[in-house]
């Protein structure tokens, strides 16, 4: 155990449509192959997976997230989709989101957190 912090990752991928049973089965296999996978949502041309990653910093986690889909494509039977979004937040930020209401972003500027 290296004592690195946990980071919450949301990875979004998209591509050419595939049958829903195919993407569902692929995501189920991915959840067996990748530890800490929390959830997956999918459509025929878009999928989102949320999971925890243990790493020293956000940069490392982002690099790992960008490779996740390709690294598991063959073994999990995932479609040849591309990453279209990645969000990485530390554990404190993830848990704080539900407890502290955020101010709306103004249309003419920004608001405080």
PDB file of N, CA and C in Angstrom:
ATOM      1  N   UNK A   1       0.849  -1.189   0.000  1.00  0.00           N
ATOM      2  CA  UNK A   1       0.000   0.000   0.000  1.00  0.00           C
ATOM      3  C   UNK A   1       0.882   1.234   0.000  1.00  0.00           C
ATOM      4  N   UNK A   2       0.628   2.148  -0.899  1.00  0.00           N
ATOM      5  CA  UNK A   2       1.466   3.336  -1.013  1.00  0.00           C
ATOM      6  C   UNK A   2       0.887   4.552  -0.325  1.00  0.00           C
ATOM      7  N   UNK A   3      -0.326   4.487   0.164  1.00  0.00           N
ATOM      8  CA  UNK A   3      -0.899   5.614   0.874  1.00  0.00           C
ATOM      9  C   UNK A   3      -1.283   6.788   0.004  1.00  0.00           C
ATOM     10  N   UNK A   4      -1.426   6.564  -1.287  1.00  0.00           N
ATOM     11  CA  UNK A   4      -1.844   7.650  -2.177  1.00  0.00           C
ATOM     12  C   UNK A   4      -3.311   7.962  -1.958  1.00  0.00           C
ATOM     13  N   UNK A   5      -3.713   9.189  -2.258  1.00  0.00           N
ATOM     14  CA  UNK A   5      -5.125   9.544  -2.098  1.00  0.00           C
ATOM     15  C   UNK A   5      -5.993   8.915  -3.195  1.00  0.00           C
ATOM     16  N   UNK A   6      -7.288   8.859  -2.907  1.00  0.00           N
ATOM     17  CA  UNK A   6      -8.258   8.408  -3.895  1.00  0.00           C
ATOM     18  C   UNK A   6      -8.855   9.613  -4.603  1.00  0.00           C
ATOM     19  N   UNK A   7      -9.102   9.448  -5.881  1.00  0.00           N
ATOM     20  CA  UNK A   7      -9.665  10.483  -6.742  1.00  0.00           C
ATOM     21  C   UNK A   7     -10.927   9.921  -7.388  1.00  0.00           C
ATOM     22  N   UNK A   8     -11.962  10.745  -7.498  1.00  0.00           N
ATOM     23  CA  UNK A   8     -13.178  10.313  -8.188  1.00  0.00           C
ATOM     24  C   UNK A   8     -13.063  10.705  -9.652  1.00  0.00           C
ATOM     25  N   UNK A   9     -13.313   9.741 -10.538  1.00  0.00           N
ATOM     26  CA  UNK A   9     -13.172   9.950 -11.978  1.00  0.00           C
ATOM     27  C   UNK A   9     -14.507   9.726 -12.659  1.00  0.00           C
ATOM     28  N   UNK A  10     -14.847  10.621 -13.570  1.00  0.00           N
ATOM     29  CA  UNK A  10     -15.972  10.413 -14.474  1.00  0.00           C
ATOM     30  C   UNK A  10     -15.396  10.451 -15.883  1.00  0.00           C
ATOM     31  N   UNK A  11     -15.504   9.331 -16.587  1.00  0.00           N
ATOM     32  CA  UNK A  11     -14.982   9.205 -17.944  1.00  0.00           C
ATOM     33  C   UNK A  11     -16.159   9.066 -18.899  1.00  0.00           C
ATOM     34  N   UNK A  12     -16.190   9.901 -19.927  1.00  0.00           N
ATOM     35  CA  UNK A  12     -17.247   9.849 -20.931  1.00  0.00           C
ATOM     36  C   UNK A  12     -16.621   9.508 -22.276  1.00  0.00           C
ATOM     37  N   UNK A  13     -17.225   8.536 -22.949  1.00  0.00           N
ATOM     38  CA  UNK A  13     -16.757   8.099 -24.274  1.00  0.00           C
ATOM     39  C   UNK A  13     -17.937   8.118 -25.236  1.00  0.00           C
ATOM     40  N   UNK A  14     -17.640   8.281 -26.516  1.00  0.00           N
ATOM     41  CA  UNK A  14     -18.708   8.318 -27.520  1.00  0.00           C
ATOM     42  C   UNK A  14     -18.166   7.834 -28.855  1.00  0.00           C
ATOM     43  N   UNK A  15     -19.097   7.440 -29.731  1.00  0.00           N
ATOM     44  CA  UNK A  15     -18.697   6.978 -31.050  1.00  0.00           C
ATOM     45  C   UNK A  15     -19.889   6.516 -31.862  1.00  0.00           C
ATOM     46  N   UNK A  16     -19.587   5.715 -32.863  1.00  0.00           N
ATOM     47  CA  UNK A  16     -20.635   5.186 -33.735  1.00  0.00           C
ATOM     48  C   UNK A  16     -21.586   4.306 -32.926  1.00  0.00           C
ATOM     49  N   UNK A  17     -22.879   4.363 -33.231  1.00  0.00           N
ATOM     50  CA  UNK A  17     -23.852   3.571 -32.469  1.00  0.00           C
ATOM     51  C   UNK A  17     -23.567   2.063 -32.509  1.00  0.00           C
ATOM     52  N   UNK A  18     -23.822   1.413 -31.370  1.00  0.00           N
ATOM     53  CA  UNK A  18     -23.758  -0.047 -31.243  1.00  0.00           C
ATOM     54  C   UNK A  18     -25.032  -0.487 -30.540  1.00  0.00           C
ATOM     55  N   UNK A  19     -25.412  -1.747 -30.682  1.00  0.00           N
ATOM     56  CA  UNK A  19     -26.606  -2.223 -29.976  1.00  0.00           C
ATOM     57  C   UNK A  19     -26.436  -2.079 -28.459  1.00  0.00           C
ATOM     58  N   UNK A  20     -27.512  -1.671 -27.773  1.00  0.00           N
ATOM     59  CA  UNK A  20     -27.447  -1.478 -26.327  1.00  0.00           C
ATOM     60  C   UNK A  20     -26.953  -2.712 -25.580  1.00  0.00           C
ATOM     61  N   UNK A  21     -27.389  -3.927 -25.936  1.00  0.00           N
ATOM     62  CA  UNK A  21     -26.873  -5.095 -25.198  1.00  0.00           C
ATOM     63  C   UNK A  21     -25.343  -5.215 -25.293  1.00  0.00           C
ATOM     64  N   UNK A  22     -24.768  -4.798 -26.405  1.00  0.00           N
ATOM     65  CA  UNK A  22     -23.321  -4.881 -26.583  1.00  0.00           C
ATOM     66  C   UNK A  22     -22.590  -3.937 -25.623  1.00  0.00           C
ATOM     67  N   UNK A  23     -23.041  -2.700 -25.532  1.00  0.00           N
ATOM     68  CA  UNK A  23     -22.361  -1.763 -24.636  1.00  0.00           C
ATOM     69  C   UNK A  23     -22.624  -2.133 -23.178  1.00  0.00           C
ATOM     70  N   UNK A  24     -23.831  -2.584 -22.864  1.00  0.00           N
ATOM     71  CA  UNK A  24     -24.127  -3.004 -21.486  1.00  0.00           C
ATOM     72  C   UNK A  24     -23.215  -4.158 -21.069  1.00  0.00           C
ATOM     73  N   UNK A  25     -23.074  -5.158 -21.919  1.00  0.00           N
ATOM     74  CA  UNK A  25     -22.217  -6.302 -21.616  1.00  0.00           C
ATOM     75  C   UNK A  25     -20.757  -5.866 -21.462  1.00  0.00           C
ATOM     76  N   UNK A  26     -20.308  -4.970 -22.328  1.00  0.00           N
ATOM     77  CA  UNK A  26     -18.940  -4.468 -22.230  1.00  0.00           C
ATOM     78  C   UNK A  26     -18.703  -3.737 -20.915  1.00  0.00           C
ATOM     79  N   UNK A  27     -19.659  -2.897 -20.511  1.00  0.00           N
ATOM     80  CA  UNK A  27     -19.514  -2.170 -19.251  1.00  0.00           C
ATOM     81  C   UNK A  27     -19.545  -3.118 -18.053  1.00  0.00           C
ATOM     82  N   UNK A  28     -20.355  -4.174 -18.140  1.00  0.00           N
ATOM     83  CA  UNK A  28     -20.382  -5.161 -17.060  1.00  0.00           C
ATOM     84  C   UNK A  28     -19.031  -5.861 -16.944  1.00  0.00           C
ATOM     85  N   UNK A  29     -18.426  -6.200 -18.083  1.00  0.00           N
ATOM     86  CA  UNK A  29     -17.099  -6.816 -18.058  1.00  0.00           C
ATOM     87  C   UNK A  29     -16.063  -5.840 -17.526  1.00  0.00           C
ATOM     88  N   UNK A  30     -16.149  -4.577 -17.930  1.00  0.00           N
ATOM     89  CA  UNK A  30     -15.223  -3.560 -17.443  1.00  0.00           C
ATOM     90  C   UNK A  30     -15.306  -3.459 -15.921  1.00  0.00           C
ATOM     91  N   UNK A  31     -16.513  -3.541 -15.379  1.00  0.00           N
ATOM     92  CA  UNK A  31     -16.670  -3.438 -13.923  1.00  0.00           C
ATOM     93  C   UNK A  31     -16.011  -4.615 -13.205  1.00  0.00           C
ATOM     94  N   UNK A  32     -15.904  -5.753 -13.863  1.00  0.00           N
ATOM     95  CA  UNK A  32     -15.219  -6.897 -13.276  1.00  0.00           C
ATOM     96  C   UNK A  32     -13.702  -6.745 -13.382  1.00  0.00           C
ATOM     97  N   UNK A  33     -13.239  -6.101 -14.441  1.00  0.00           N
ATOM     98  CA  UNK A  33     -11.807  -5.962 -14.685  1.00  0.00           C
ATOM     99  C   UNK A  33     -11.175  -4.785 -13.940  1.00  0.00           C
ATOM    100  N   UNK A  34     -11.934  -3.738 -13.703  1.00  0.00           N
ATOM    101  CA  UNK A  34     -11.365  -2.523 -13.118  1.00  0.00           C
ATOM    102  C   UNK A  34     -11.848  -2.346 -11.681  1.00  0.00           C
ATOM    103  N   UNK A  35     -10.925  -2.361 -10.728  1.00  0.00           N
ATOM    104  CA  UNK A  35     -11.345  -2.184  -9.336  1.00  0.00           C
ATOM    105  C   UNK A  35     -11.918  -0.786  -9.092  1.00  0.00           C
ATOM    106  N   UNK A  36     -12.795  -0.694  -8.148  1.00  0.00           N
ATOM    107  CA  UNK A  36     -13.385   0.560  -7.689  1.00  0.00           C
ATOM    108  C   UNK A  36     -14.382   1.172  -8.669  1.00  0.00           C
ATOM    109  N   UNK A  37     -14.795   0.451  -9.716  1.00  0.00           N
ATOM    110  CA  UNK A  37     -15.802   0.984 -10.632  1.00  0.00           C
ATOM    111  C   UNK A  37     -17.113   1.110  -9.869  1.00  0.00           C
ATOM    112  N   UNK A  38     -17.685   2.314  -9.873  1.00  0.00           N
ATOM    113  CA  UNK A  38     -18.909   2.574  -9.116  1.00  0.00           C
ATOM    114  C   UNK A  38     -20.155   2.389  -9.953  1.00  0.00           C
ATOM    115  N   UNK A  39     -20.140   2.962 -11.158  1.00  0.00           N
ATOM    116  CA  UNK A  39     -21.352   2.910 -11.962  1.00  0.00           C
ATOM    117  C   UNK A  39     -21.028   3.168 -13.422  1.00  0.00           C
ATOM    118  N   UNK A  40     -21.965   2.774 -14.254  1.00  0.00           N
ATOM    119  CA  UNK A  40     -21.865   3.043 -15.673  1.00  0.00           C
ATOM    120  C   UNK A  40     -23.229   3.400 -16.215  1.00  0.00           C
ATOM    121  N   UNK A  41     -23.251   4.388 -17.087  1.00  0.00           N
ATOM    122  CA  UNK A  41     -24.490   4.749 -17.795  1.00  0.00           C
ATOM    123  C   UNK A  41     -24.163   4.669 -19.273  1.00  0.00           C
ATOM    124  N   UNK A  42     -25.156   4.319 -20.070  1.00  0.00           N
ATOM    125  CA  UNK A  42     -24.854   4.136 -21.485  1.00  0.00           C
ATOM    126  C   UNK A  42     -26.062   4.395 -22.359  1.00  0.00           C
ATOM    127  N   UNK A  43     -25.770   4.659 -23.609  1.00  0.00           N
ATOM    128  CA  UNK A  43     -26.729   4.738 -24.686  1.00  0.00           C
ATOM    129  C   UNK A  43     -26.082   4.049 -25.869  1.00  0.00           C
ATOM    130  N   UNK A  44     -26.714   4.105 -27.014  1.00  0.00           N
ATOM    131  CA  UNK A  44     -26.161   3.396 -28.172  1.00  0.00           C
ATOM    132  C   UNK A  44     -24.890   4.053 -28.719  1.00  0.00           C
ATOM    133  N   UNK A  45     -24.645   5.333 -28.372  1.00  0.00           N
ATOM    134  CA  UNK A  45     -23.452   6.006 -28.903  1.00  0.00           C
ATOM    135  C   UNK A  45     -22.676   6.795 -27.843  1.00  0.00           C
ATOM    136  N   UNK A  46     -22.956   6.533 -26.562  1.00  0.00           N
ATOM    137  CA  UNK A  46     -22.327   7.288 -25.482  1.00  0.00           C
ATOM    138  C   UNK A  46     -22.322   6.453 -24.206  1.00  0.00           C
ATOM    139  N   UNK A  47     -21.237   6.515 -23.465  1.00  0.00           N
ATOM    140  CA  UNK A  47     -21.185   5.832 -22.171  1.00  0.00           C
ATOM    141  C   UNK A  47     -20.413   6.707 -21.193  1.00  0.00           C
ATOM    142  N   UNK A  48     -20.770   6.557 -19.910  1.00  0.00           N
ATOM    143  CA  UNK A  48     -20.101   7.285 -18.840  1.00  0.00           C
ATOM    144  C   UNK A  48     -19.839   6.290 -17.726  1.00  0.00           C
ATOM    145  N   UNK A  49     -18.590   6.258 -17.275  1.00  0.00           N
ATOM    146  CA  UNK A  49     -18.251   5.403 -16.138  1.00  0.00           C
ATOM    147  C   UNK A  49     -17.690   6.273 -15.026  1.00  0.00           C
ATOM    148  N   UNK A  50     -18.036   5.919 -13.811  1.00  0.00           N
ATOM    149  CA  UNK A  50     -17.568   6.640 -12.621  1.00  0.00           C
ATOM    150  C   UNK A  50     -16.861   5.631 -11.733  1.00  0.00           C
ATOM    151  N   UNK A  51     -15.705   6.037 -11.238  1.00  0.00           N
ATOM    152  CA  UNK A  51     -14.924   5.124 -10.413  1.00  0.00           C
ATOM    153  C   UNK A  51     -13.923   5.898  -9.564  1.00  0.00           C
ATOM    154  N   UNK A  52     -13.324   5.185  -8.606  1.00  0.00           N
ATOM    155  CA  UNK A  52     -12.270   5.736  -7.764  1.00  0.00           C
ATOM    156  C   UNK A  52     -10.941   5.235  -8.289  1.00  0.00           C
ATOM    157  N   UNK A  53      -9.961   6.109  -8.275  1.00  0.00           N
ATOM    158  CA  UNK A  53      -8.594   5.755  -8.677  1.00  0.00           C
ATOM    159  C   UNK A  53      -7.650   6.201  -7.580  1.00  0.00           C
ATOM    160  N   UNK A  54      -6.679   5.379  -7.270  1.00  0.00           N
ATOM    161  CA  UNK A  54      -5.674   5.709  -6.266  1.00  0.00           C
ATOM    162  C   UNK A  54      -4.394   6.103  -6.989  1.00  0.00           C
ATOM    163  N   UNK A  55      -3.911   7.316  -6.739  1.00  0.00           N
ATOM    164  CA  UNK A  55      -2.719   7.819  -7.425  1.00  0.00           C
ATOM    165  C   UNK A  55      -2.186   9.032  -6.669  1.00  0.00           C
ATOM    166  N   UNK A  56      -0.941   9.421  -6.953  1.00  0.00           N
ATOM    167  CA  UNK A  56      -0.346  10.526  -6.200  1.00  0.00           C
ATOM    168  C   UNK A  56      -0.933  11.901  -6.508  1.00  0.00           C
ATOM    169  N   UNK A  57      -1.449  12.101  -7.742  1.00  0.00           N
ATOM    170  CA  UNK A  57      -1.940  13.438  -8.096  1.00  0.00           C
ATOM    171  C   UNK A  57      -2.948  13.358  -9.237  1.00  0.00           C
ATOM    172  N   UNK A  58      -3.627  14.484  -9.483  1.00  0.00           N
ATOM    173  CA  UNK A  58      -4.680  14.540 -10.509  1.00  0.00           C
ATOM    174  C   UNK A  58      -4.128  14.302 -11.910  1.00  0.00           C
ATOM    175  N   UNK A  59      -2.906  14.734 -12.162  1.00  0.00           N
ATOM    176  CA  UNK A  59      -2.296  14.534 -13.475  1.00  0.00           C
ATOM    177  C   UNK A  59      -2.138  13.045 -13.789  1.00  0.00           C
ATOM    178  N   UNK A  60      -1.681  12.288 -12.816  1.00  0.00           N
ATOM    179  CA  UNK A  60      -1.529  10.847 -12.996  1.00  0.00           C
ATOM    180  C   UNK A  60      -2.881  10.188 -13.221  1.00  0.00           C
ATOM    181  N   UNK A  61      -3.867  10.587 -12.434  1.00  0.00           N
ATOM    182  CA  UNK A  61      -5.212  10.017 -12.570  1.00  0.00           C
ATOM    183  C   UNK A  61      -5.783  10.323 -13.950  1.00  0.00           C
ATOM    184  N   UNK A  62      -5.601  11.536 -14.419  1.00  0.00           N
ATOM    185  CA  UNK A  62      -6.112  11.912 -15.736  1.00  0.00           C
ATOM    186  C   UNK A  62      -5.467  11.062 -16.829  1.00  0.00           C
ATOM    187  N   UNK A  63      -4.167  10.851 -16.734  1.00  0.00           N
ATOM    188  CA  UNK A  63      -3.472  10.008 -17.716  1.00  0.00           C
ATOM    189  C   UNK A  63      -4.022   8.584 -17.704  1.00  0.00           C
ATOM    190  N   UNK A  64      -4.238   8.041 -16.515  1.00  0.00           N
ATOM    191  CA  UNK A  64      -4.801   6.699 -16.408  1.00  0.00           C
ATOM    192  C   UNK A  64      -6.212   6.646 -16.981  1.00  0.00           C
ATOM    193  N   UNK A  65      -7.009   7.663 -16.690  1.00  0.00           N
ATOM    194  CA  UNK A  65      -8.390   7.698 -17.184  1.00  0.00           C
ATOM    195  C   UNK A  65      -8.438   7.750 -18.703  1.00  0.00           C
ATOM    196  N   UNK A  66      -7.550   8.527 -19.300  1.00  0.00           N
ATOM    197  CA  UNK A  66      -7.530   8.647 -20.755  1.00  0.00           C
ATOM    198  C   UNK A  66      -7.177   7.326 -21.439  1.00  0.00           C
ATOM    199  N   UNK A  67      -6.493   6.438 -20.724  1.00  0.00           N
ATOM    200  CA  UNK A  67      -6.112   5.140 -21.294  1.00  0.00           C
ATOM    201  C   UNK A  67      -7.095   4.019 -20.953  1.00  0.00           C
ATOM    202  N   UNK A  68      -7.950   4.235 -19.957  1.00  0.00           N
ATOM    203  CA  UNK A  68      -8.800   3.157 -19.447  1.00  0.00           C
ATOM    204  C   UNK A  68      -9.590   2.448 -20.543  1.00  0.00           C
ATOM    205  N   UNK A  69     -10.298   3.195 -21.357  1.00  0.00           N
ATOM    206  CA  UNK A  69     -11.178   2.588 -22.371  1.00  0.00           C
ATOM    207  C   UNK A  69     -10.374   1.751 -23.358  1.00  0.00           C
ATOM    208  N   UNK A  70      -9.282   2.324 -23.868  1.00  0.00           N
ATOM    209  CA  UNK A  70      -8.453   1.590 -24.832  1.00  0.00           C
ATOM    210  C   UNK A  70      -7.788   0.370 -24.191  1.00  0.00           C
ATOM    211  N   UNK A  71      -7.324   0.519 -22.941  1.00  0.00           N
ATOM    212  CA  UNK A  71      -6.657  -0.595 -22.266  1.00  0.00           C
ATOM    213  C   UNK A  71      -7.577  -1.783 -22.055  1.00  0.00           C
ATOM    214  N   UNK A  72      -8.872  -1.546 -21.929  1.00  0.00           N
ATOM    215  CA  UNK A  72      -9.831  -2.628 -21.669  1.00  0.00           C
ATOM    216  C   UNK A  72     -10.704  -2.944 -22.889  1.00  0.00           C
ATOM    217  N   UNK A  73     -10.462  -2.283 -23.998  1.00  0.00           N
ATOM    218  CA  UNK A  73     -11.324  -2.459 -25.173  1.00  0.00           C
ATOM    219  C   UNK A  73     -11.436  -3.923 -25.591  1.00  0.00           C
ATOM    220  N   UNK A  74     -10.316  -4.586 -25.806  1.00  0.00           N
ATOM    221  CA  UNK A  74     -10.356  -5.970 -26.289  1.00  0.00           C
ATOM    222  C   UNK A  74     -10.871  -6.928 -25.216  1.00  0.00           C
ATOM    223  N   UNK A  75     -10.335  -6.832 -24.006  1.00  0.00           N
ATOM    224  CA  UNK A  75     -10.692  -7.796 -22.957  1.00  0.00           C
ATOM    225  C   UNK A  75     -12.139  -7.665 -22.493  1.00  0.00           C
ATOM    226  N   UNK A  76     -12.683  -6.437 -22.507  1.00  0.00           N
ATOM    227  CA  UNK A  76     -14.061  -6.226 -22.052  1.00  0.00           C
ATOM    228  C   UNK A  76     -15.049  -6.165 -23.217  1.00  0.00           C
ATOM    229  N   UNK A  77     -14.546  -6.182 -24.437  1.00  0.00           N
ATOM    230  CA  UNK A  77     -15.439  -6.115 -25.592  1.00  0.00           C
ATOM    231  C   UNK A  77     -16.103  -4.757 -25.745  1.00  0.00           C
ATOM    232  N   UNK A  78     -15.341  -3.697 -25.497  1.00  0.00           N
ATOM    233  CA  UNK A  78     -15.883  -2.335 -25.582  1.00  0.00           C
ATOM    234  C   UNK A  78     -15.836  -1.839 -27.019  1.00  0.00           C
ATOM    235  N   UNK A  79     -16.788  -0.992 -27.410  1.00  0.00           N
ATOM    236  CA  UNK A  79     -16.767  -0.455 -28.775  1.00  0.00           C
ATOM    237  C   UNK A  79     -15.580   0.488 -28.985  1.00  0.00           C
ATOM    238  N   UNK A  80     -15.263   0.733 -30.224  1.00  0.00           N
ATOM    239  CA  UNK A  80     -14.146   1.614 -30.578  1.00  0.00           C
ATOM    240  C   UNK A  80     -14.577   3.067 -30.492  1.00  0.00           C
ATOM    241  N   UNK A  81     -14.872   3.495 -29.290  1.00  0.00           N
ATOM    242  CA  UNK A  81     -15.286   4.868 -29.035  1.00  0.00           C
ATOM    243  C   UNK A  81     -14.110   5.680 -28.515  1.00  0.00           C
ATOM    244  N   UNK A  82     -14.218   6.986 -28.620  1.00  0.00           N
ATOM    245  CA  UNK A  82     -13.172   7.894 -28.171  1.00  0.00           C
ATOM    246  C   UNK A  82     -13.587   8.594 -26.883  1.00  0.00           C
ATOM    247  N   UNK A  83     -12.608   8.954 -26.092  1.00  0.00           N
ATOM    248  CA  UNK A  83     -12.862   9.735 -24.880  1.00  0.00           C
ATOM    249  C   UNK A  83     -13.300  11.133 -25.297  1.00  0.00           C
ATOM    250  N   UNK A  84     -14.436  11.579 -24.769  1.00  0.00           N
ATOM    251  CA  UNK A  84     -14.931  12.931 -25.059  1.00  0.00           C
ATOM    252  C   UNK A  84     -15.007  13.786 -23.796  1.00  0.00           C
ATOM    253  N   UNK A  85     -14.705  13.192 -22.645  1.00  0.00           N
ATOM    254  CA  UNK A  85     -14.712  13.969 -21.407  1.00  0.00           C
ATOM    255  C   UNK A  85     -14.094  13.205 -20.257  1.00  0.00           C
ATOM    256  N   UNK A  86     -13.381  13.943 -19.405  1.00  0.00           N
ATOM    257  CA  UNK A  86     -12.802  13.375 -18.187  1.00  0.00           C
ATOM    258  C   UNK A  86     -12.942  14.413 -17.083  1.00  0.00           C
ATOM    259  N   UNK A  87     -13.445  13.981 -15.939  1.00  0.00           N
ATOM    260  CA  UNK A  87     -13.454  14.838 -14.765  1.00  0.00           C
ATOM    261  C   UNK A  87     -12.771  14.075 -13.638  1.00  0.00           C
ATOM    262  N   UNK A  88     -11.825  14.741 -12.978  1.00  0.00           N
ATOM    263  CA  UNK A  88     -11.106  14.158 -11.846  1.00  0.00           C
ATOM    264  C   UNK A  88     -11.213  15.134 -10.689  1.00  0.00           C
ATOM    265  N   UNK A  89     -11.713  14.649  -9.546  1.00  0.00           N
ATOM    266  CA  UNK A  89     -11.779  15.482  -8.342  1.00  0.00           C
ATOM    267  C   UNK A  89     -11.282  14.664  -7.155  1.00  0.00           C
ATOM    268  N   UNK A  90     -10.701  15.347  -6.187  1.00  0.00           N
ATOM    269  CA  UNK A  90     -10.236  14.644  -4.999  1.00  0.00           C
ATOM    270  C   UNK A  90     -11.425  14.208  -4.148  1.00  0.00           C
ATOM    271  N   UNK A  91     -11.147  13.342  -3.203  1.00  0.00           N
ATOM    272  CA  UNK A  91     -12.210  12.768  -2.370  1.00  0.00           C
ATOM    273  C   UNK A  91     -12.981  13.850  -1.620  1.00  0.00           C
ATOM    274  N   UNK A  92     -12.256  14.823  -1.057  1.00  0.00           N
ATOM    275  CA  UNK A  92     -12.908  15.894  -0.302  1.00  0.00           C
ATOM    276  C   UNK A  92     -13.880  16.683  -1.175  1.00  0.00           C
ATOM    277  N   UNK A  93     -13.461  17.028  -2.374  1.00  0.00           N
ATOM    278  CA  UNK A  93     -14.337  17.770  -3.291  1.00  0.00           C
ATOM    279  C   UNK A  93     -15.562  16.946  -3.661  1.00  0.00           C
ATOM    280  N   UNK A  94     -15.364  15.658  -3.925  1.00  0.00           N
ATOM    281  CA  UNK A  94     -16.476  14.778  -4.285  1.00  0.00           C
ATOM    282  C   UNK A  94     -17.524  14.756  -3.167  1.00  0.00           C
ATOM    283  N   UNK A  95     -17.078  14.581  -1.927  1.00  0.00           N
ATOM    284  CA  UNK A  95     -18.018  14.507  -0.808  1.00  0.00           C
ATOM    285  C   UNK A  95     -18.614  15.869  -0.458  1.00  0.00           C
ATOM    286  N   UNK A  96     -17.855  16.923  -0.653  1.00  0.00           N
ATOM    287  CA  UNK A  96     -18.336  18.271  -0.347  1.00  0.00           C
ATOM    288  C   UNK A  96     -19.447  18.702  -1.303  1.00  0.00           C
ATOM    289  N   UNK A  97     -19.437  18.213  -2.512  1.00  0.00           N
ATOM    290  CA  UNK A  97     -20.431  18.618  -3.515  1.00  0.00           C
ATOM    291  C   UNK A  97     -21.854  18.433  -3.038  1.00  0.00           C
ATOM    292  N   UNK A  98     -22.121  17.375  -2.338  1.00  0.00           N
ATOM    293  CA  UNK A  98     -23.474  17.127  -1.883  1.00  0.00           C
ATOM    294  C   UNK A  98     -23.866  17.905  -0.640  1.00  0.00           C
ATOM    295  N   UNK A  99     -22.889  18.449   0.056  1.00  0.00           N
ATOM    296  CA  UNK A  99     -23.175  19.121   1.334  1.00  0.00           C
ATOM    297  C   UNK A  99     -23.237  20.635   1.231  1.00  0.00           C
ATOM    298  N   UNK A 100     -22.480  21.207   0.311  1.00  0.00           N
ATOM    299  CA  UNK A 100     -22.380  22.659   0.232  1.00  0.00           C
ATOM    300  C   UNK A 100     -23.012  23.133  -1.070  1.00  0.00           C
ATOM    301  N   UNK A 101     -24.083  23.915  -0.977  1.00  0.00           N
ATOM    302  CA  UNK A 101     -24.682  24.420  -2.212  1.00  0.00           C
ATOM    303  C   UNK A 101     -23.735  25.421  -2.887  1.00  0.00           C
ATOM    304  N   UNK A 102     -23.632  25.305  -4.190  1.00  0.00           N
ATOM    305  CA  UNK A 102     -22.785  26.215  -4.947  1.00  0.00           C
ATOM    306  C   UNK A 102     -23.613  27.368  -5.490  1.00  0.00           C
ATOM    307  N   UNK A 103     -23.012  28.538  -5.552  1.00  0.00           N
ATOM    308  CA  UNK A 103     -23.684  29.685  -6.153  1.00  0.00           C
ATOM    309  C   UNK A 103     -23.728  29.487  -7.666  1.00  0.00           C
ATOM    310  N   UNK A 104     -24.772  29.970  -8.281  1.00  0.00           N
ATOM    311  CA  UNK A 104     -24.886  29.903  -9.728  1.00  0.00           C
ATOM    312  C   UNK A 104     -23.823  30.780 -10.378  1.00  0.00           C
ATOM    313  N   UNK A 105     -23.324  30.333 -11.504  1.00  0.00           N
ATOM    314  CA  UNK A 105     -22.397  31.159 -12.266  1.00  0.00           C
ATOM    315  C   UNK A 105     -23.201  32.233 -12.975  1.00  0.00           C
ATOM    316  N   UNK A 106     -22.787  33.450 -12.819  1.00  0.00           N
ATOM    317  CA  UNK A 106     -23.462  34.574 -13.444  1.00  0.00           C
ATOM    318  C   UNK A 106     -23.211  34.565 -14.946  1.00  0.00           C
ATOM    319  N   UNK A 107     -24.154  35.058 -15.700  1.00  0.00           N
ATOM    320  CA  UNK A 107     -23.973  35.142 -17.148  1.00  0.00           C
ATOM    321  C   UNK A 107     -22.951  36.190 -17.536  1.00  0.00           C
ATOM    322  N   UNK A 108     -22.641  37.115 -16.632  1.00  0.00           N
ATOM    323  CA  UNK A 108     -21.684  38.172 -16.971  1.00  0.00           C
ATOM    324  C   UNK A 108     -20.384  38.068 -16.185  1.00  0.00           C
ATOM    325  N   UNK A 109     -20.196  36.993 -15.434  1.00  0.00           N
ATOM    326  CA  UNK A 109     -19.000  36.824 -14.642  1.00  0.00           C
ATOM    327  C   UNK A 109     -19.049  35.532 -13.865  1.00  0.00           C
ATOM    328  N   UNK A 110     -18.359  35.491 -12.767  1.00  0.00           N
ATOM    329  CA  UNK A 110     -18.355  34.292 -11.942  1.00  0.00           C
ATOM    330  C   UNK A 110     -18.799  34.635 -10.533  1.00  0.00           C
ATOM    331  N   UNK A 111     -19.220  33.628  -9.797  1.00  0.00           N
ATOM    332  CA  UNK A 111     -19.698  33.821  -8.427  1.00  0.00           C
ATOM    333  C   UNK A 111     -18.812  33.017  -7.480  1.00  0.00           C
ATOM    334  N   UNK A 112     -18.758  33.373  -6.212  1.00  0.00           N
ATOM    335  CA  UNK A 112     -17.921  32.645  -5.262  1.00  0.00           C
ATOM    336  C   UNK A 112     -18.481  31.266  -4.936  1.00  0.00           C
ATOM    337  N   UNK A 113     -17.602  30.395  -4.499  1.00  0.00           N
ATOM    338  CA  UNK A 113     -18.020  29.054  -4.068  1.00  0.00           C
ATOM    339  C   UNK A 113     -18.354  29.137  -2.596  1.00  0.00           C
TER     340      UNK A 113
END
